[in-house]
Amino acid sequence: MKLTFAKGASLEDPARLFNASLDGNVRRAIDIHEGEEVEETAFKMLVRQAVALNGAGKSRTPKKAKS
């Protein structure tokens, strides 16, 4: 399975989970092969960072309906 993080190059990855798309400027990915285990705590931290990064700068105010 491949998990691609659109803004992965901006995320800290001290556990070095990213193992694919490392040469790009923006994207990073994790390839997980059958039977392979991923460090759960590090993975959760990476996902939380990605959620925070992707949510940053977005307006939380709902748009007004057109009349």
PDB file of N, CA and C in Angstrom:
ATOM      1  N   MET A   1       0.851  -1.142   0.000  1.00  0.00           N
ATOM      2  CA  MET A   1       0.000   0.000   0.000  1.00  0.00           C
ATOM      3  C   MET A   1       0.912   1.225   0.000  1.00  0.00           C
ATOM      4  N   LYS A   2       0.505   2.250  -0.695  1.00  0.00           N
ATOM      5  CA  LYS A   2       1.256   3.509  -0.715  1.00  0.00           C
ATOM      6  C   LYS A   2       0.382   4.600  -0.119  1.00  0.00           C
ATOM      7  N   LEU A   3       0.939   5.305   0.862  1.00  0.00           N
ATOM      8  CA  LEU A   3       0.273   6.453   1.467  1.00  0.00           C
ATOM      9  C   LEU A   3       1.060   7.688   1.065  1.00  0.00           C
ATOM     10  N   THR A   4       0.424   8.575   0.319  1.00  0.00           N
ATOM     11  CA  THR A   4       1.105   9.772  -0.159  1.00  0.00           C
ATOM     12  C   THR A   4       0.614  10.986   0.623  1.00  0.00           C
ATOM     13  N   PHE A   5       1.570  11.775   1.083  1.00  0.00           N
ATOM     14  CA  PHE A   5       1.285  13.001   1.810  1.00  0.00           C
ATOM     15  C   PHE A   5       1.598  14.158   0.869  1.00  0.00           C
ATOM     16  N   ALA A   6       0.564  14.881   0.473  1.00  0.00           N
ATOM     17  CA  ALA A   6       0.704  15.937  -0.534  1.00  0.00           C
ATOM     18  C   ALA A   6       1.740  16.992  -0.155  1.00  0.00           C
ATOM     19  N   LYS A   7       1.832  17.338   1.111  1.00  0.00           N
ATOM     20  CA  LYS A   7       2.792  18.342   1.581  1.00  0.00           C
ATOM     21  C   LYS A   7       3.822  17.704   2.507  1.00  0.00           C
ATOM     22  N   GLY A   8       4.139  16.449   2.243  1.00  0.00           N
ATOM     23  CA  GLY A   8       5.008  15.671   3.116  1.00  0.00           C
ATOM     24  C   GLY A   8       6.396  16.227   3.317  1.00  0.00           C
ATOM     25  N   ALA A   9       6.924  16.938   2.336  1.00  0.00           N
ATOM     26  CA  ALA A   9       8.269  17.502   2.469  1.00  0.00           C
ATOM     27  C   ALA A   9       8.327  18.560   3.571  1.00  0.00           C
ATOM     28  N   SER A  10       7.184  19.094   3.961  1.00  0.00           N
ATOM     29  CA  SER A  10       7.128  20.108   5.009  1.00  0.00           C
ATOM     30  C   SER A  10       6.952  19.505   6.401  1.00  0.00           C
ATOM     31  N   LEU A  11       6.814  18.184   6.473  1.00  0.00           N
ATOM     32  CA  LEU A  11       6.579  17.527   7.753  1.00  0.00           C
ATOM     33  C   LEU A  11       7.874  16.987   8.352  1.00  0.00           C
ATOM     34  N   GLU A  12       7.947  17.019   9.681  1.00  0.00           N
ATOM     35  CA  GLU A  12       9.083  16.419  10.368  1.00  0.00           C
ATOM     36  C   GLU A  12       8.855  14.911  10.409  1.00  0.00           C
ATOM     37  N   ASP A  13       9.899  14.143  10.124  1.00  0.00           N
ATOM     38  CA  ASP A  13       9.803  12.683  10.106  1.00  0.00           C
ATOM     39  C   ASP A  13      11.011  12.074  10.812  1.00  0.00           C
ATOM     40  N   PRO A  14      11.122  12.292  12.143  1.00  0.00           N
ATOM     41  CA  PRO A  14      12.290  11.787  12.858  1.00  0.00           C
ATOM     42  C   PRO A  14      12.394  10.263  12.851  1.00  0.00           C
ATOM     43  N   ALA A  15      11.271   9.558  12.729  1.00  0.00           N
ATOM     44  CA  ALA A  15      11.290   8.091  12.701  1.00  0.00           C
ATOM     45  C   ALA A  15      11.594   7.562  11.300  1.00  0.00           C
ATOM     46  N   ARG A  16      11.731   8.468  10.349  1.00  0.00           N
ATOM     47  CA  ARG A  16      12.059   8.125   8.953  1.00  0.00           C
ATOM     48  C   ARG A  16      11.063   7.125   8.351  1.00  0.00           C
ATOM     49  N   LEU A  17       9.765   7.438   8.523  1.00  0.00           N
ATOM     50  CA  LEU A  17       8.721   6.602   7.949  1.00  0.00           C
ATOM     51  C   LEU A  17       8.625   6.780   6.438  1.00  0.00           C
ATOM     52  N   PHE A  18       8.879   8.008   5.968  1.00  0.00           N
ATOM     53  CA  PHE A  18       8.812   8.244   4.526  1.00  0.00           C
ATOM     54  C   PHE A  18       9.909   7.434   3.842  1.00  0.00           C
ATOM     55  N   ASN A  19       9.513   6.623   2.871  1.00  0.00           N
ATOM     56  CA  ASN A  19      10.477   5.801   2.157  1.00  0.00           C
ATOM     57  C   ASN A  19      10.262   5.824   0.646  1.00  0.00           C
ATOM     58  N   ALA A  20       9.432   6.758   0.170  1.00  0.00           N
ATOM     59  CA  ALA A  20       9.175   6.880  -1.265  1.00  0.00           C
ATOM     60  C   ALA A  20       8.912   8.351  -1.595  1.00  0.00           C
ATOM     61  N   SER A  21       9.087   8.702  -2.854  1.00  0.00           N
ATOM     62  CA  SER A  21       8.899  10.077  -3.340  1.00  0.00           C
ATOM     63  C   SER A  21       9.798  11.053  -2.587  1.00  0.00           C
ATOM     64  N   LEU A  22      10.978  10.623  -2.216  1.00  0.00           N
ATOM     65  CA  LEU A  22      11.870  11.451  -1.413  1.00  0.00           C
ATOM     66  C   LEU A  22      12.593  12.521  -2.215  1.00  0.00           C
ATOM     67  N   ASP A  23      12.634  12.370  -3.524  1.00  0.00           N
ATOM     68  CA  ASP A  23      13.379  13.331  -4.346  1.00  0.00           C
ATOM     69  C   ASP A  23      12.535  14.523  -4.786  1.00  0.00           C
ATOM     70  N   GLY A  24      11.249  14.531  -4.480  1.00  0.00           N
ATOM     71  CA  GLY A  24      10.384  15.641  -4.868  1.00  0.00           C
ATOM     72  C   GLY A  24      10.496  16.808  -3.908  1.00  0.00           C
ATOM     73  N   ASN A  25       9.947  17.938  -4.318  1.00  0.00           N
ATOM     74  CA  ASN A  25      10.000  19.140  -3.489  1.00  0.00           C
ATOM     75  C   ASN A  25       8.821  19.272  -2.537  1.00  0.00           C
ATOM     76  N   VAL A  26       7.744  18.525  -2.797  1.00  0.00           N
ATOM     77  CA  VAL A  26       6.537  18.716  -2.007  1.00  0.00           C
ATOM     78  C   VAL A  26       6.035  17.404  -1.403  1.00  0.00           C
ATOM     79  N   ARG A  27       5.865  16.412  -2.230  1.00  0.00           N
ATOM     80  CA  ARG A  27       5.255  15.149  -1.819  1.00  0.00           C
ATOM     81  C   ARG A  27       6.237  14.229  -1.109  1.00  0.00           C
ATOM     82  N   ARG A  28       5.694  13.392  -0.216  1.00  0.00           N
ATOM     83  CA  ARG A  28       6.429  12.288   0.378  1.00  0.00           C
ATOM     84  C   ARG A  28       5.448  11.127   0.510  1.00  0.00           C
ATOM     85  N   ALA A  29       5.957   9.913   0.513  1.00  0.00           N
ATOM     86  CA  ALA A  29       5.080   8.751   0.598  1.00  0.00           C
ATOM     87  C   ALA A  29       5.687   7.686   1.495  1.00  0.00           C
ATOM     88  N   ILE A  30       4.798   6.808   1.952  1.00  0.00           N
ATOM     89  CA  ILE A  30       5.203   5.640   2.720  1.00  0.00           C
ATOM     90  C   ILE A  30       4.691   4.420   1.965  1.00  0.00           C
ATOM     91  N   ASP A  31       5.600   3.552   1.566  1.00  0.00           N
ATOM     92  CA  ASP A  31       5.224   2.279   0.961  1.00  0.00           C
ATOM     93  C   ASP A  31       5.226   1.230   2.065  1.00  0.00           C
ATOM     94  N   ILE A  32       4.099   0.528   2.213  1.00  0.00           N
ATOM     95  CA  ILE A  32       3.988  -0.520   3.222  1.00  0.00           C
ATOM     96  C   ILE A  32       3.731  -1.825   2.483  1.00  0.00           C
ATOM     97  N   HIS A  33       4.620  -2.769   2.671  1.00  0.00           N
ATOM     98  CA  HIS A  33       4.505  -4.063   2.008  1.00  0.00           C
ATOM     99  C   HIS A  33       3.822  -5.069   2.931  1.00  0.00           C
ATOM    100  N   GLU A  34       3.232  -6.090   2.342  1.00  0.00           N
ATOM    101  CA  GLU A  34       2.521  -7.106   3.100  1.00  0.00           C
ATOM    102  C   GLU A  34       3.416  -7.686   4.198  1.00  0.00           C
ATOM    103  N   GLY A  35       2.880  -7.740   5.398  1.00  0.00           N
ATOM    104  CA  GLY A  35       3.608  -8.287   6.528  1.00  0.00           C
ATOM    105  C   GLY A  35       4.507  -7.279   7.237  1.00  0.00           C
ATOM    106  N   GLU A  36       4.701  -6.124   6.645  1.00  0.00           N
ATOM    107  CA  GLU A  36       5.559  -5.091   7.230  1.00  0.00           C
ATOM    108  C   GLU A  36       4.780  -4.317   8.303  1.00  0.00           C
ATOM    109  N   GLU A  37       5.442  -3.974   9.377  1.00  0.00           N
ATOM    110  CA  GLU A  37       4.806  -3.200  10.442  1.00  0.00           C
ATOM    111  C   GLU A  37       5.338  -1.781  10.429  1.00  0.00           C
ATOM    112  N   VAL A  38       4.472  -0.850  10.791  1.00  0.00           N
ATOM    113  CA  VAL A  38       4.832   0.565  10.856  1.00  0.00           C
ATOM    114  C   VAL A  38       4.772   0.990  12.321  1.00  0.00           C
ATOM    115  N   GLU A  39       5.737   1.767  12.754  1.00  0.00           N
ATOM    116  CA  GLU A  39       5.782   2.284  14.127  1.00  0.00           C
ATOM    117  C   GLU A  39       4.525   3.128  14.353  1.00  0.00           C
ATOM    118  N   GLU A  40       3.613   2.621  15.160  1.00  0.00           N
ATOM    119  CA  GLU A  40       2.286   3.214  15.342  1.00  0.00           C
ATOM    120  C   GLU A  40       2.326   4.647  15.869  1.00  0.00           C
ATOM    121  N   THR A  41       3.107   4.898  16.894  1.00  0.00           N
ATOM    122  CA  THR A  41       3.157   6.231  17.495  1.00  0.00           C
ATOM    123  C   THR A  41       3.699   7.258  16.504  1.00  0.00           C
ATOM    124  N   ALA A  42       4.765   6.906  15.793  1.00  0.00           N
ATOM    125  CA  ALA A  42       5.350   7.813  14.806  1.00  0.00           C
ATOM    126  C   ALA A  42       4.378   8.072  13.661  1.00  0.00           C
ATOM    127  N   PHE A  43       3.654   7.042  13.251  1.00  0.00           N
ATOM    128  CA  PHE A  43       2.683   7.192  12.161  1.00  0.00           C
ATOM    129  C   PHE A  43       1.557   8.140  12.581  1.00  0.00           C
ATOM    130  N   LYS A  44       1.049   7.977  13.788  1.00  0.00           N
ATOM    131  CA  LYS A  44      -0.012   8.856  14.279  1.00  0.00           C
ATOM    132  C   LYS A  44       0.456  10.307  14.332  1.00  0.00           C
ATOM    133  N   MET A  45       1.675  10.517  14.796  1.00  0.00           N
ATOM    134  CA  MET A  45       2.223  11.874  14.865  1.00  0.00           C
ATOM    135  C   MET A  45       2.334  12.488  13.471  1.00  0.00           C
ATOM    136  N   LEU A  46       2.769  11.685  12.502  1.00  0.00           N
ATOM    137  CA  LEU A  46       2.911  12.170  11.134  1.00  0.00           C
ATOM    138  C   LEU A  46       1.549  12.559  10.549  1.00  0.00           C
ATOM    139  N   VAL A  47       0.547  11.734  10.788  1.00  0.00           N
ATOM    140  CA  VAL A  47      -0.802  12.032  10.291  1.00  0.00           C
ATOM    141  C   VAL A  47      -1.348  13.291  10.964  1.00  0.00           C
ATOM    142  N   ARG A  48      -1.128  13.433  12.245  1.00  0.00           N
ATOM    143  CA  ARG A  48      -1.606  14.636  12.959  1.00  0.00           C
ATOM    144  C   ARG A  48      -0.926  15.896  12.426  1.00  0.00           C
ATOM    145  N   GLN A  49       0.374  15.801  12.156  1.00  0.00           N
ATOM    146  CA  GLN A  49       1.087  16.943  11.567  1.00  0.00           C
ATOM    147  C   GLN A  49       0.494  17.305  10.210  1.00  0.00           C
ATOM    148  N   ALA A  50       0.217  16.281   9.398  1.00  0.00           N
ATOM    149  CA  ALA A  50      -0.327  16.512   8.056  1.00  0.00           C
ATOM    150  C   ALA A  50      -1.696  17.169   8.131  1.00  0.00           C
ATOM    151  N   VAL A  51      -2.533  16.715   9.045  1.00  0.00           N
ATOM    152  CA  VAL A  51      -3.868  17.307   9.215  1.00  0.00           C
ATOM    153  C   VAL A  51      -3.737  18.773   9.606  1.00  0.00           C
ATOM    154  N   ALA A  52      -2.856  19.056  10.545  1.00  0.00           N
ATOM    155  CA  ALA A  52      -2.661  20.440  10.995  1.00  0.00           C
ATOM    156  C   ALA A  52      -2.132  21.308   9.859  1.00  0.00           C
ATOM    157  N   LEU A  53      -1.171  20.800   9.102  1.00  0.00           N
ATOM    158  CA  LEU A  53      -0.598  21.557   7.989  1.00  0.00           C
ATOM    159  C   LEU A  53      -1.633  21.815   6.901  1.00  0.00           C
ATOM    160  N   ASN A  54      -2.410  20.809   6.568  1.00  0.00           N
ATOM    161  CA  ASN A  54      -3.415  20.966   5.514  1.00  0.00           C
ATOM    162  C   ASN A  54      -4.560  21.868   5.949  1.00  0.00           C
ATOM    163  N   GLY A  55      -4.836  21.931   7.248  1.00  0.00           N
ATOM    164  CA  GLY A  55      -5.909  22.780   7.748  1.00  0.00           C
ATOM    165  C   GLY A  55      -5.469  24.212   7.995  1.00  0.00           C
ATOM    166  N   ALA A  56      -4.175  24.441   8.078  1.00  0.00           N
ATOM    167  CA  ALA A  56      -3.655  25.782   8.359  1.00  0.00           C
ATOM    168  C   ALA A  56      -3.965  26.724   7.199  1.00  0.00           C
ATOM    169  N   GLY A  57      -4.425  27.896   7.531  1.00  0.00           N
ATOM    170  CA  GLY A  57      -4.670  28.900   6.501  1.00  0.00           C
ATOM    171  C   GLY A  57      -6.032  28.803   5.842  1.00  0.00           C
ATOM    172  N   LYS A  58      -6.761  27.745   6.117  1.00  0.00           N
ATOM    173  CA  LYS A  58      -8.100  27.626   5.531  1.00  0.00           C
ATOM    174  C   LYS A  58      -9.096  28.371   6.396  1.00  0.00           C
ATOM    175  N   SER A  59     -10.004  29.029   5.750  1.00  0.00           N
ATOM    176  CA  SER A  59     -11.043  29.770   6.457  1.00  0.00           C
ATOM    177  C   SER A  59     -12.031  28.797   7.078  1.00  0.00           C
ATOM    178  N   ARG A  60     -12.389  29.044   8.317  1.00  0.00           N
ATOM    179  CA  ARG A  60     -13.368  28.214   9.014  1.00  0.00           C
ATOM    180  C   ARG A  60     -14.758  28.832   8.932  1.00  0.00           C
ATOM    181  N   THR A  61     -14.870  29.999   8.299  1.00  0.00           N
ATOM    182  CA  THR A  61     -16.147  30.691   8.182  1.00  0.00           C
ATOM    183  C   THR A  61     -16.928  30.133   6.998  1.00  0.00           C
ATOM    184  N   PRO A  62     -18.155  29.677   7.216  1.00  0.00           N
ATOM    185  CA  PRO A  62     -18.942  29.156   6.096  1.00  0.00           C
ATOM    186  C   PRO A  62     -19.271  30.262   5.091  1.00  0.00           C
ATOM    187  N   LYS A  63     -19.317  29.888   3.829  1.00  0.00           N
ATOM    188  CA  LYS A  63     -19.663  30.854   2.779  1.00  0.00           C
ATOM    189  C   LYS A  63     -21.146  31.172   2.844  1.00  0.00           C
ATOM    190  N   LYS A  64     -21.479  32.406   2.483  1.00  0.00           N
ATOM    191  CA  LYS A  64     -22.878  32.816   2.442  1.00  0.00           C
ATOM    192  C   LYS A  64     -23.551  32.206   1.227  1.00  0.00           C
ATOM    193  N   ALA A  65     -24.791  31.821   1.384  1.00  0.00           N
ATOM    194  CA  ALA A  65     -25.566  31.271   0.283  1.00  0.00           C
ATOM    195  C   ALA A  65     -25.912  32.375  -0.700  1.00  0.00           C
ATOM    196  N   LYS A  66     -25.866  32.054  -1.994  1.00  0.00           N
ATOM    197  CA  LYS A  66     -26.231  33.033  -3.006  1.00  0.00           C
ATOM    198  C   LYS A  66     -27.749  33.214  -3.038  1.00  0.00           C
ATOM    199  N   SER A  67     -28.176  34.448  -3.213  1.00  0.00           N
ATOM    200  CA  SER A  67     -29.618  34.741  -3.241  1.00  0.00           C
ATOM    201  C   SER A  67     -30.129  34.701  -4.655  1.00  0.00           C
TER     202      SER A  67
END
